[in-house]
């Protein structure tokens, strides 16, 4: 019962972060002149405001663009109808105050189905539950996003923590691939 409650609590917070798979895995760094945002801008503020820019824009019809932010690193995932939309989405994130690094995994394709997004949510919930109980991984130190059975992990960890988190992610049922986007401690 306790495990089911944890899964339900975690998955409830994930509904706003459902994502889909993409191809580009190299990070981009914003123009340094736009990264002088005050230190009070935190990850959740950046994430919610940047997400609103995509969802409230008429520039992305028939698209799903999701934003996840960890340590001012923005992970863009979802689907857009063409390369011009993909480039425009990345440019918006690049110019956003407080964002210091961008990983663009937005895919040019039709939006994913509700069923696929639901399955991704369950994978993320299961993985977060397993990571929470893992003594070698700092609680809250790893952000998990799943898109079309591809797990993306962001965080600031040491090499051993990264290996533990990656091993656990790869063992979760339904995961096709694990993409680690960690910053490593010395």
N, C-alpha and C. Protein backbone atom coordinates (compact mmCIF):
# COMPACT_ATOMS: atom_id res chain seq x y z
N UNK A 1 0.82 -1.19 0.00
CA UNK A 1 0.00 0.00 0.00
C UNK A 1 0.86 1.25 0.00
N UNK A 2 1.93 1.25 0.81
CA UNK A 2 2.82 2.41 0.90
C UNK A 2 3.49 2.68 -0.45
N UNK A 3 3.94 1.60 -1.13
CA UNK A 3 4.58 1.74 -2.43
C UNK A 3 3.59 2.30 -3.45
N UNK A 4 2.34 1.83 -3.42
CA UNK A 4 1.32 2.32 -4.32
C UNK A 4 1.05 3.79 -4.06
N UNK A 5 1.02 4.21 -2.79
CA UNK A 5 0.79 5.60 -2.44
C UNK A 5 1.93 6.47 -2.97
N UNK A 6 3.17 6.01 -2.82
CA UNK A 6 4.31 6.77 -3.34
C UNK A 6 4.20 6.93 -4.85
N UNK A 7 3.84 5.86 -5.54
CA UNK A 7 3.71 5.92 -7.00
C UNK A 7 2.62 6.91 -7.38
N UNK A 8 1.49 6.86 -6.67
CA UNK A 8 0.39 7.76 -6.99
C UNK A 8 0.78 9.21 -6.73
N UNK A 9 1.48 9.50 -5.64
CA UNK A 9 1.90 10.86 -5.33
C UNK A 9 2.90 11.37 -6.36
N UNK A 10 3.86 10.53 -6.71
CA UNK A 10 4.87 10.94 -7.68
C UNK A 10 4.24 11.13 -9.04
N UNK A 11 3.40 10.20 -9.48
CA UNK A 11 2.82 10.31 -10.82
C UNK A 11 1.87 11.48 -10.92
N UNK A 12 1.23 11.87 -9.82
CA UNK A 12 0.35 13.03 -9.85
C UNK A 12 1.12 14.30 -10.19
N UNK A 13 2.34 14.42 -9.72
CA UNK A 13 3.16 15.58 -10.03
C UNK A 13 3.76 15.52 -11.40
N UNK A 14 3.67 14.39 -12.06
CA UNK A 14 4.30 14.23 -13.36
C UNK A 14 3.39 14.59 -14.52
N UNK A 15 2.11 14.67 -14.28
CA UNK A 15 1.18 14.86 -15.39
C UNK A 15 1.51 16.11 -16.20
N UNK A 16 2.05 17.14 -15.56
CA UNK A 16 2.39 18.34 -16.29
C UNK A 16 3.70 18.20 -17.06
N UNK A 17 4.45 17.15 -16.78
CA UNK A 17 5.73 17.00 -17.43
C UNK A 17 5.82 15.85 -18.40
N UNK A 18 4.70 15.38 -18.90
CA UNK A 18 4.73 14.28 -19.86
C UNK A 18 5.42 14.75 -21.13
N UNK A 19 6.24 13.87 -21.72
CA UNK A 19 7.06 14.28 -22.84
C UNK A 19 7.13 13.20 -23.90
N UNK A 20 7.74 13.52 -25.05
CA UNK A 20 7.93 12.54 -26.12
C UNK A 20 9.34 12.61 -26.66
N UNK A 21 9.76 11.59 -27.38
CA UNK A 21 11.13 11.37 -27.80
C UNK A 21 11.61 12.34 -28.88
N UNK A 22 12.93 12.57 -28.92
CA UNK A 22 13.51 13.44 -29.92
C UNK A 22 14.89 12.93 -30.29
N UNK A 23 15.56 13.65 -31.21
CA UNK A 23 16.81 13.14 -31.75
C UNK A 23 18.06 13.90 -31.33
N UNK A 24 18.01 15.20 -31.13
CA UNK A 24 19.20 16.01 -30.90
C UNK A 24 19.67 15.85 -29.47
N UNK A 25 20.91 15.41 -29.27
CA UNK A 25 21.38 15.17 -27.92
C UNK A 25 22.49 16.12 -27.49
N UNK A 26 22.92 17.05 -28.31
CA UNK A 26 24.00 17.92 -27.89
C UNK A 26 23.45 19.20 -27.28
N UNK A 27 24.02 19.58 -26.12
CA UNK A 27 23.51 20.77 -25.46
C UNK A 27 23.93 22.03 -26.20
N UNK A 28 23.14 23.06 -26.06
CA UNK A 28 23.53 24.36 -26.58
C UNK A 28 23.63 25.31 -25.41
N UNK A 29 24.50 26.28 -25.53
CA UNK A 29 24.69 27.26 -24.48
C UNK A 29 24.15 28.59 -24.96
N UNK A 30 23.28 29.22 -24.14
CA UNK A 30 22.73 30.50 -24.55
C UNK A 30 23.80 31.56 -24.66
N UNK A 31 23.47 32.63 -25.36
CA UNK A 31 24.32 33.80 -25.45
C UNK A 31 24.55 34.30 -24.02
N UNK A 32 25.81 34.47 -23.63
CA UNK A 32 26.13 34.82 -22.25
C UNK A 32 25.51 36.16 -21.83
N UNK A 33 25.21 37.04 -22.76
CA UNK A 33 24.62 38.32 -22.41
C UNK A 33 23.20 38.16 -21.89
N UNK A 34 22.57 37.00 -22.10
CA UNK A 34 21.20 36.79 -21.62
C UNK A 34 21.15 35.98 -20.34
N UNK A 35 22.30 35.64 -19.76
CA UNK A 35 22.33 34.79 -18.59
C UNK A 35 22.62 35.59 -17.32
N UNK A 36 22.36 36.87 -17.33
CA UNK A 36 22.64 37.68 -16.15
C UNK A 36 21.39 37.86 -15.29
N UNK A 37 20.53 36.87 -15.29
CA UNK A 37 19.30 36.93 -14.50
C UNK A 37 19.64 36.93 -13.03
N UNK A 38 18.80 37.57 -12.22
CA UNK A 38 19.06 37.56 -10.77
C UNK A 38 19.06 36.15 -10.21
N UNK A 39 19.82 35.95 -9.14
CA UNK A 39 19.93 34.63 -8.54
C UNK A 39 18.61 34.14 -7.98
N UNK A 40 17.64 35.04 -7.81
CA UNK A 40 16.35 34.63 -7.24
C UNK A 40 15.51 33.81 -8.22
N UNK A 41 15.87 33.83 -9.48
CA UNK A 41 15.14 33.00 -10.45
C UNK A 41 15.52 31.55 -10.20
N UNK A 42 14.55 30.73 -9.83
CA UNK A 42 14.85 29.34 -9.54
C UNK A 42 14.33 28.44 -10.65
N UNK A 43 14.67 27.18 -10.56
CA UNK A 43 14.33 26.22 -11.60
C UNK A 43 12.83 26.12 -11.86
N UNK A 44 12.04 26.05 -10.80
CA UNK A 44 10.59 25.89 -11.02
C UNK A 44 9.99 27.14 -11.65
N UNK A 45 10.50 28.29 -11.32
CA UNK A 45 10.02 29.53 -11.93
C UNK A 45 10.38 29.57 -13.41
N UNK A 46 11.62 29.23 -13.72
CA UNK A 46 12.05 29.18 -15.12
C UNK A 46 11.18 28.17 -15.87
N UNK A 47 11.00 26.99 -15.28
CA UNK A 47 10.24 25.93 -15.94
C UNK A 47 8.80 26.35 -16.21
N UNK A 48 8.13 26.90 -15.22
CA UNK A 48 6.72 27.25 -15.42
C UNK A 48 6.56 28.42 -16.40
N UNK A 49 7.41 29.40 -16.31
CA UNK A 49 7.28 30.56 -17.20
C UNK A 49 7.69 30.23 -18.62
N UNK A 50 8.71 29.42 -18.78
CA UNK A 50 9.13 29.02 -20.13
C UNK A 50 8.09 28.09 -20.75
N UNK A 51 7.54 27.19 -19.96
CA UNK A 51 6.47 26.31 -20.45
C UNK A 51 5.28 27.12 -20.93
N UNK A 52 4.94 28.16 -20.19
CA UNK A 52 3.81 29.02 -20.57
C UNK A 52 4.07 29.72 -21.90
N UNK A 53 5.32 30.08 -22.16
CA UNK A 53 5.65 30.72 -23.44
C UNK A 53 5.32 29.81 -24.62
N UNK A 54 5.52 28.50 -24.44
CA UNK A 54 5.22 27.57 -25.53
C UNK A 54 3.72 27.28 -25.61
N UNK A 55 3.10 27.02 -24.47
CA UNK A 55 1.69 26.63 -24.50
C UNK A 55 0.76 27.79 -24.84
N UNK A 56 1.17 29.02 -24.56
CA UNK A 56 0.32 30.17 -24.84
C UNK A 56 0.63 30.83 -26.18
N UNK A 57 1.52 30.23 -26.95
CA UNK A 57 1.93 30.81 -28.22
C UNK A 57 1.15 30.21 -29.39
N UNK A 58 0.80 31.05 -30.34
CA UNK A 58 0.17 30.58 -31.58
C UNK A 58 1.20 30.07 -32.58
N UNK A 59 2.48 30.15 -32.21
CA UNK A 59 3.56 29.72 -33.11
C UNK A 59 3.78 28.21 -33.14
N UNK A 60 3.07 27.47 -32.25
CA UNK A 60 3.29 26.03 -32.16
C UNK A 60 1.99 25.25 -32.26
N UNK A 61 1.22 25.43 -33.34
CA UNK A 61 -0.02 24.65 -33.47
C UNK A 61 0.29 23.17 -33.68
N UNK A 62 -0.58 22.32 -33.14
CA UNK A 62 -0.42 20.86 -33.26
C UNK A 62 0.94 20.38 -32.77
N UNK A 63 1.43 21.01 -31.71
CA UNK A 63 2.73 20.66 -31.15
C UNK A 63 2.60 20.45 -29.65
N UNK A 64 3.51 19.66 -29.12
CA UNK A 64 3.65 19.48 -27.67
C UNK A 64 5.10 19.79 -27.34
N UNK A 65 5.32 20.86 -26.60
CA UNK A 65 6.68 21.19 -26.18
C UNK A 65 6.67 21.21 -24.66
N UNK A 66 7.55 20.42 -24.07
CA UNK A 66 7.64 20.31 -22.62
C UNK A 66 9.01 20.80 -22.17
N UNK A 67 9.00 21.44 -21.02
CA UNK A 67 10.23 22.01 -20.46
C UNK A 67 10.45 21.42 -19.07
N UNK A 68 11.65 20.95 -18.82
CA UNK A 68 12.06 20.53 -17.48
C UNK A 68 13.38 21.23 -17.20
N UNK A 69 13.51 21.78 -16.00
CA UNK A 69 14.71 22.55 -15.65
C UNK A 69 15.31 21.99 -14.38
N UNK A 70 16.61 21.81 -14.40
CA UNK A 70 17.36 21.39 -13.22
C UNK A 70 18.66 22.16 -13.20
N UNK A 71 18.91 22.89 -12.12
CA UNK A 71 20.15 23.66 -11.97
C UNK A 71 20.36 24.60 -13.16
N UNK A 72 19.26 25.23 -13.58
CA UNK A 72 19.24 26.19 -14.70
C UNK A 72 19.58 25.56 -16.06
N UNK A 73 19.55 24.25 -16.14
CA UNK A 73 19.70 23.54 -17.40
C UNK A 73 18.32 23.14 -17.88
N UNK A 74 17.96 23.58 -19.08
CA UNK A 74 16.63 23.31 -19.63
C UNK A 74 16.69 22.11 -20.56
N UNK A 75 15.78 21.17 -20.32
CA UNK A 75 15.59 20.02 -21.20
C UNK A 75 14.30 20.25 -21.95
N UNK A 76 14.37 20.36 -23.26
CA UNK A 76 13.19 20.51 -24.11
C UNK A 76 12.88 19.18 -24.74
N UNK A 77 11.63 18.75 -24.60
CA UNK A 77 11.18 17.51 -25.21
C UNK A 77 9.81 17.75 -25.82
N UNK A 78 9.33 16.80 -26.58
CA UNK A 78 8.01 16.90 -27.17
C UNK A 78 8.06 16.75 -28.67
N UNK A 79 7.00 17.26 -29.31
CA UNK A 79 6.90 17.10 -30.76
C UNK A 79 6.46 18.43 -31.39
N UNK A 80 7.03 18.73 -32.53
CA UNK A 80 6.63 19.88 -33.34
C UNK A 80 6.45 19.41 -34.77
N UNK A 81 5.75 20.24 -35.58
CA UNK A 81 5.42 19.78 -36.93
C UNK A 81 6.54 19.94 -37.94
N UNK A 82 7.51 20.85 -37.68
CA UNK A 82 8.60 21.02 -38.65
C UNK A 82 9.86 21.56 -37.98
N UNK A 83 10.95 21.56 -38.75
CA UNK A 83 12.25 21.99 -38.23
C UNK A 83 12.22 23.47 -37.83
N UNK A 84 11.48 24.29 -38.52
CA UNK A 84 11.40 25.72 -38.19
C UNK A 84 10.83 25.90 -36.78
N UNK A 85 9.80 25.13 -36.43
CA UNK A 85 9.25 25.21 -35.08
C UNK A 85 10.26 24.72 -34.05
N UNK A 86 10.98 23.67 -34.37
CA UNK A 86 12.00 23.14 -33.47
C UNK A 86 13.07 24.19 -33.20
N UNK A 87 13.56 24.83 -34.26
CA UNK A 87 14.58 25.86 -34.11
C UNK A 87 14.05 27.05 -33.31
N UNK A 88 12.81 27.45 -33.58
CA UNK A 88 12.20 28.57 -32.87
C UNK A 88 12.06 28.25 -31.38
N UNK A 89 11.64 27.04 -31.06
CA UNK A 89 11.50 26.62 -29.66
C UNK A 89 12.84 26.70 -28.93
N UNK A 90 13.90 26.23 -29.58
CA UNK A 90 15.22 26.29 -28.95
C UNK A 90 15.67 27.74 -28.77
N UNK A 91 15.40 28.59 -29.75
CA UNK A 91 15.79 29.99 -29.63
C UNK A 91 15.07 30.70 -28.49
N UNK A 92 13.82 30.35 -28.25
CA UNK A 92 13.09 30.93 -27.12
C UNK A 92 13.79 30.55 -25.81
N UNK A 93 14.14 29.28 -25.66
CA UNK A 93 14.82 28.83 -24.44
C UNK A 93 16.21 29.46 -24.33
N UNK A 94 16.91 29.57 -25.43
CA UNK A 94 18.26 30.13 -25.42
C UNK A 94 18.24 31.57 -24.90
N UNK A 95 17.22 32.32 -25.24
CA UNK A 95 17.16 33.72 -24.82
C UNK A 95 16.46 33.95 -23.50
N UNK A 96 16.06 32.87 -22.81
CA UNK A 96 15.30 33.04 -21.58
C UNK A 96 16.22 33.33 -20.39
N UNK A 97 15.91 34.35 -19.60
CA UNK A 97 16.76 34.69 -18.44
C UNK A 97 16.88 33.55 -17.45
N UNK A 98 18.11 33.27 -17.05
CA UNK A 98 18.35 32.23 -16.05
C UNK A 98 18.76 30.90 -16.64
N UNK A 99 18.48 30.65 -17.91
CA UNK A 99 18.83 29.38 -18.54
C UNK A 99 20.30 29.45 -18.95
N UNK A 100 21.10 28.49 -18.45
CA UNK A 100 22.53 28.50 -18.76
C UNK A 100 22.94 27.40 -19.74
N UNK A 101 22.10 26.37 -19.88
CA UNK A 101 22.40 25.28 -20.82
C UNK A 101 21.07 24.71 -21.31
N UNK A 102 21.05 24.26 -22.57
CA UNK A 102 19.84 23.70 -23.16
C UNK A 102 20.17 22.35 -23.79
N UNK A 103 19.32 21.37 -23.50
CA UNK A 103 19.34 20.10 -24.21
C UNK A 103 18.05 20.04 -25.01
N UNK A 104 18.16 20.00 -26.32
CA UNK A 104 16.99 20.03 -27.19
C UNK A 104 16.72 18.63 -27.72
N UNK A 105 15.69 17.99 -27.15
CA UNK A 105 15.25 16.68 -27.59
C UNK A 105 13.84 16.75 -28.19
N UNK A 106 13.48 17.91 -28.71
CA UNK A 106 12.19 18.06 -29.39
C UNK A 106 12.28 17.31 -30.71
N UNK A 107 11.24 16.54 -31.00
CA UNK A 107 11.24 15.71 -32.20
C UNK A 107 10.28 16.31 -33.23
N UNK A 108 10.66 16.26 -34.50
CA UNK A 108 9.78 16.70 -35.59
C UNK A 108 8.94 15.48 -35.98
N UNK A 109 7.67 15.49 -35.53
CA UNK A 109 6.76 14.38 -35.79
C UNK A 109 5.39 14.72 -35.23
N UNK A 110 4.43 13.84 -35.46
CA UNK A 110 3.10 14.02 -34.89
C UNK A 110 3.15 13.91 -33.37
N UNK A 111 2.26 14.61 -32.67
CA UNK A 111 2.24 14.52 -31.20
C UNK A 111 2.00 13.09 -30.73
N UNK A 112 2.61 12.73 -29.61
CA UNK A 112 2.42 11.39 -29.06
C UNK A 112 1.01 11.22 -28.51
N UNK A 113 0.57 9.99 -28.44
CA UNK A 113 -0.79 9.68 -27.98
C UNK A 113 -0.88 9.80 -26.46
N UNK A 114 -2.11 9.92 -25.98
CA UNK A 114 -2.34 9.94 -24.54
C UNK A 114 -1.84 8.64 -23.90
N UNK A 115 -2.04 7.54 -24.57
CA UNK A 115 -1.60 6.25 -24.06
C UNK A 115 -0.08 6.22 -23.89
N UNK A 116 0.66 6.72 -24.88
CA UNK A 116 2.12 6.74 -24.79
C UNK A 116 2.58 7.66 -23.66
N UNK A 117 1.92 8.81 -23.52
CA UNK A 117 2.29 9.74 -22.44
C UNK A 117 1.98 9.14 -21.07
N UNK A 118 0.88 8.39 -20.98
CA UNK A 118 0.53 7.74 -19.71
C UNK A 118 1.55 6.67 -19.35
N UNK A 119 1.98 5.90 -20.33
CA UNK A 119 3.00 4.88 -20.08
C UNK A 119 4.31 5.53 -19.63
N UNK A 120 4.66 6.64 -20.26
CA UNK A 120 5.86 7.38 -19.85
C UNK A 120 5.76 7.85 -18.41
N UNK A 121 4.58 8.33 -18.04
CA UNK A 121 4.35 8.79 -16.67
C UNK A 121 4.55 7.66 -15.66
N UNK A 122 4.07 6.50 -15.99
CA UNK A 122 4.23 5.35 -15.09
C UNK A 122 5.70 4.91 -14.99
N UNK A 123 6.41 4.95 -16.10
CA UNK A 123 7.85 4.63 -16.06
C UNK A 123 8.56 5.61 -15.14
N UNK A 124 8.27 6.89 -15.30
CA UNK A 124 8.91 7.91 -14.47
C UNK A 124 8.58 7.69 -12.99
N UNK A 125 7.31 7.42 -12.69
CA UNK A 125 6.90 7.20 -11.31
C UNK A 125 7.61 5.99 -10.71
N UNK A 126 7.69 4.92 -11.47
CA UNK A 126 8.36 3.71 -10.98
C UNK A 126 9.84 3.98 -10.74
N UNK A 127 10.48 4.68 -11.66
CA UNK A 127 11.90 4.97 -11.52
C UNK A 127 12.15 5.89 -10.33
N UNK A 128 11.34 6.93 -10.18
CA UNK A 128 11.52 7.83 -9.04
C UNK A 128 11.36 7.10 -7.72
N UNK A 129 10.42 6.17 -7.66
CA UNK A 129 10.21 5.39 -6.45
C UNK A 129 11.45 4.54 -6.15
N UNK A 130 12.02 3.93 -7.18
CA UNK A 130 13.22 3.11 -6.98
C UNK A 130 14.43 3.96 -6.60
N UNK A 131 14.56 5.14 -7.21
CA UNK A 131 15.68 6.02 -6.88
C UNK A 131 15.56 6.55 -5.46
N UNK A 132 14.32 6.81 -5.02
CA UNK A 132 14.09 7.32 -3.68
C UNK A 132 14.61 6.35 -2.62
N UNK A 133 14.50 5.08 -2.88
CA UNK A 133 14.95 4.07 -1.93
C UNK A 133 16.40 3.67 -2.08
N UNK A 134 17.09 4.25 -3.02
CA UNK A 134 18.48 3.87 -3.30
C UNK A 134 19.44 4.72 -2.46
N UNK A 135 20.20 4.07 -1.55
CA UNK A 135 21.10 4.85 -0.69
C UNK A 135 22.24 5.54 -1.46
N UNK A 136 22.60 5.03 -2.63
CA UNK A 136 23.70 5.61 -3.38
C UNK A 136 23.33 6.79 -4.26
N UNK A 137 22.04 7.17 -4.26
CA UNK A 137 21.59 8.27 -5.10
C UNK A 137 20.95 9.32 -4.20
N UNK A 138 21.40 10.59 -4.28
CA UNK A 138 20.84 11.61 -3.39
C UNK A 138 19.37 11.88 -3.68
N UNK A 139 18.56 11.89 -2.63
CA UNK A 139 17.13 12.15 -2.78
C UNK A 139 16.94 13.56 -3.34
N UNK A 140 16.23 13.66 -4.43
CA UNK A 140 16.02 14.95 -5.07
C UNK A 140 17.19 15.41 -5.92
N UNK A 141 18.23 14.63 -5.98
CA UNK A 141 19.41 15.03 -6.74
C UNK A 141 19.36 14.65 -8.20
N UNK A 142 18.34 13.90 -8.60
CA UNK A 142 18.22 13.46 -9.99
C UNK A 142 16.81 13.77 -10.47
N UNK A 143 16.71 14.51 -11.56
CA UNK A 143 15.41 14.78 -12.19
C UNK A 143 15.22 13.77 -13.30
N UNK A 144 14.02 13.17 -13.34
CA UNK A 144 13.72 12.11 -14.29
C UNK A 144 12.59 12.55 -15.21
N UNK A 145 12.79 12.40 -16.51
CA UNK A 145 11.78 12.71 -17.52
C UNK A 145 11.75 11.52 -18.47
N UNK A 146 10.55 11.06 -18.82
CA UNK A 146 10.44 9.94 -19.76
C UNK A 146 9.61 10.36 -20.96
N UNK A 147 10.10 10.02 -22.14
CA UNK A 147 9.45 10.36 -23.40
C UNK A 147 9.54 9.17 -24.33
N UNK A 148 8.38 8.63 -24.71
CA UNK A 148 8.35 7.46 -25.60
C UNK A 148 9.31 6.37 -25.15
N UNK A 149 9.28 6.07 -23.86
CA UNK A 149 10.08 5.03 -23.24
C UNK A 149 11.58 5.34 -23.19
N UNK A 150 11.96 6.57 -23.48
CA UNK A 150 13.33 7.02 -23.32
C UNK A 150 13.39 7.84 -22.03
N UNK A 151 14.26 7.44 -21.11
CA UNK A 151 14.41 8.13 -19.84
C UNK A 151 15.56 9.12 -19.94
N UNK A 152 15.28 10.37 -19.58
CA UNK A 152 16.29 11.42 -19.50
C UNK A 152 16.52 11.73 -18.04
N UNK A 153 17.78 11.80 -17.62
CA UNK A 153 18.09 12.10 -16.23
C UNK A 153 19.06 13.27 -16.16
N UNK A 154 18.65 14.27 -15.38
CA UNK A 154 19.48 15.44 -15.12
C UNK A 154 19.82 15.47 -13.64
N UNK A 155 20.93 16.06 -13.29
CA UNK A 155 21.27 16.20 -11.88
C UNK A 155 22.73 16.55 -11.72
N UNK A 156 23.09 16.85 -10.48
CA UNK A 156 24.48 17.10 -10.12
C UNK A 156 24.87 15.97 -9.19
N UNK A 157 25.69 15.08 -9.71
CA UNK A 157 26.04 13.84 -9.00
C UNK A 157 27.51 13.50 -9.21
N UNK A 158 28.00 12.57 -8.40
CA UNK A 158 29.35 12.06 -8.67
C UNK A 158 29.23 10.84 -9.58
N UNK A 159 30.34 10.31 -9.99
CA UNK A 159 30.35 9.20 -10.96
C UNK A 159 29.62 7.97 -10.43
N UNK A 160 29.83 7.63 -9.16
CA UNK A 160 29.17 6.45 -8.58
C UNK A 160 27.65 6.63 -8.54
N UNK A 161 27.20 7.82 -8.15
CA UNK A 161 25.76 8.10 -8.11
C UNK A 161 25.15 8.02 -9.51
N UNK A 162 25.87 8.54 -10.49
CA UNK A 162 25.39 8.49 -11.88
C UNK A 162 25.26 7.05 -12.36
N UNK A 163 26.26 6.24 -12.04
CA UNK A 163 26.22 4.84 -12.46
C UNK A 163 25.06 4.10 -11.78
N UNK A 164 24.84 4.36 -10.50
CA UNK A 164 23.72 3.71 -9.78
C UNK A 164 22.38 4.12 -10.39
N UNK A 165 22.20 5.42 -10.61
CA UNK A 165 20.94 5.92 -11.18
C UNK A 165 20.71 5.36 -12.57
N UNK A 166 21.75 5.30 -13.38
CA UNK A 166 21.63 4.78 -14.74
C UNK A 166 21.30 3.29 -14.74
N UNK A 167 21.95 2.54 -13.86
CA UNK A 167 21.68 1.09 -13.74
C UNK A 167 20.23 0.85 -13.33
N UNK A 168 19.75 1.61 -12.38
CA UNK A 168 18.36 1.46 -11.92
C UNK A 168 17.39 1.82 -13.05
N UNK A 169 17.67 2.92 -13.74
CA UNK A 169 16.79 3.34 -14.84
C UNK A 169 16.71 2.28 -15.93
N UNK A 170 17.85 1.70 -16.27
CA UNK A 170 17.88 0.69 -17.33
C UNK A 170 17.12 -0.58 -16.94
N UNK A 171 16.96 -0.81 -15.63
CA UNK A 171 16.28 -2.03 -15.17
C UNK A 171 14.76 -1.89 -15.07
N UNK A 172 14.24 -0.67 -15.22
CA UNK A 172 12.80 -0.46 -15.11
C UNK A 172 12.12 -1.02 -16.35
N UNK A 173 11.06 -1.77 -16.14
CA UNK A 173 10.32 -2.35 -17.25
C UNK A 173 9.75 -1.29 -18.18
N UNK A 174 9.89 -1.52 -19.48
CA UNK A 174 9.35 -0.60 -20.48
C UNK A 174 10.33 0.45 -20.96
N UNK A 175 11.49 0.57 -20.33
CA UNK A 175 12.48 1.57 -20.74
C UNK A 175 13.26 1.06 -21.94
N UNK A 176 13.26 1.85 -23.02
CA UNK A 176 14.01 1.47 -24.22
C UNK A 176 15.43 2.03 -24.21
N UNK A 177 15.62 3.18 -23.60
CA UNK A 177 16.92 3.86 -23.65
C UNK A 177 17.02 4.79 -22.45
N UNK A 178 18.25 5.00 -21.96
CA UNK A 178 18.51 5.94 -20.87
C UNK A 178 19.50 6.98 -21.38
N UNK A 179 19.14 8.26 -21.25
CA UNK A 179 20.02 9.37 -21.65
C UNK A 179 20.40 10.13 -20.39
N UNK A 180 21.70 10.14 -20.08
CA UNK A 180 22.15 10.84 -18.88
C UNK A 180 22.68 12.22 -19.28
N UNK A 181 22.18 13.22 -18.59
CA UNK A 181 22.57 14.61 -18.86
C UNK A 181 23.11 15.22 -17.56
N UNK A 182 23.89 14.45 -16.85
CA UNK A 182 24.38 14.85 -15.53
C UNK A 182 25.50 15.86 -15.60
N UNK A 183 25.59 16.66 -14.54
CA UNK A 183 26.79 17.45 -14.25
C UNK A 183 27.49 16.66 -13.16
N UNK A 184 28.80 16.48 -13.32
CA UNK A 184 29.53 15.62 -12.40
C UNK A 184 30.31 16.42 -11.37
N UNK A 185 30.21 15.96 -10.10
CA UNK A 185 31.02 16.51 -9.02
C UNK A 185 32.39 15.87 -9.09
N UNK A 186 33.37 16.53 -8.57
CA UNK A 186 34.73 15.96 -8.57
C UNK A 186 34.85 14.83 -7.59
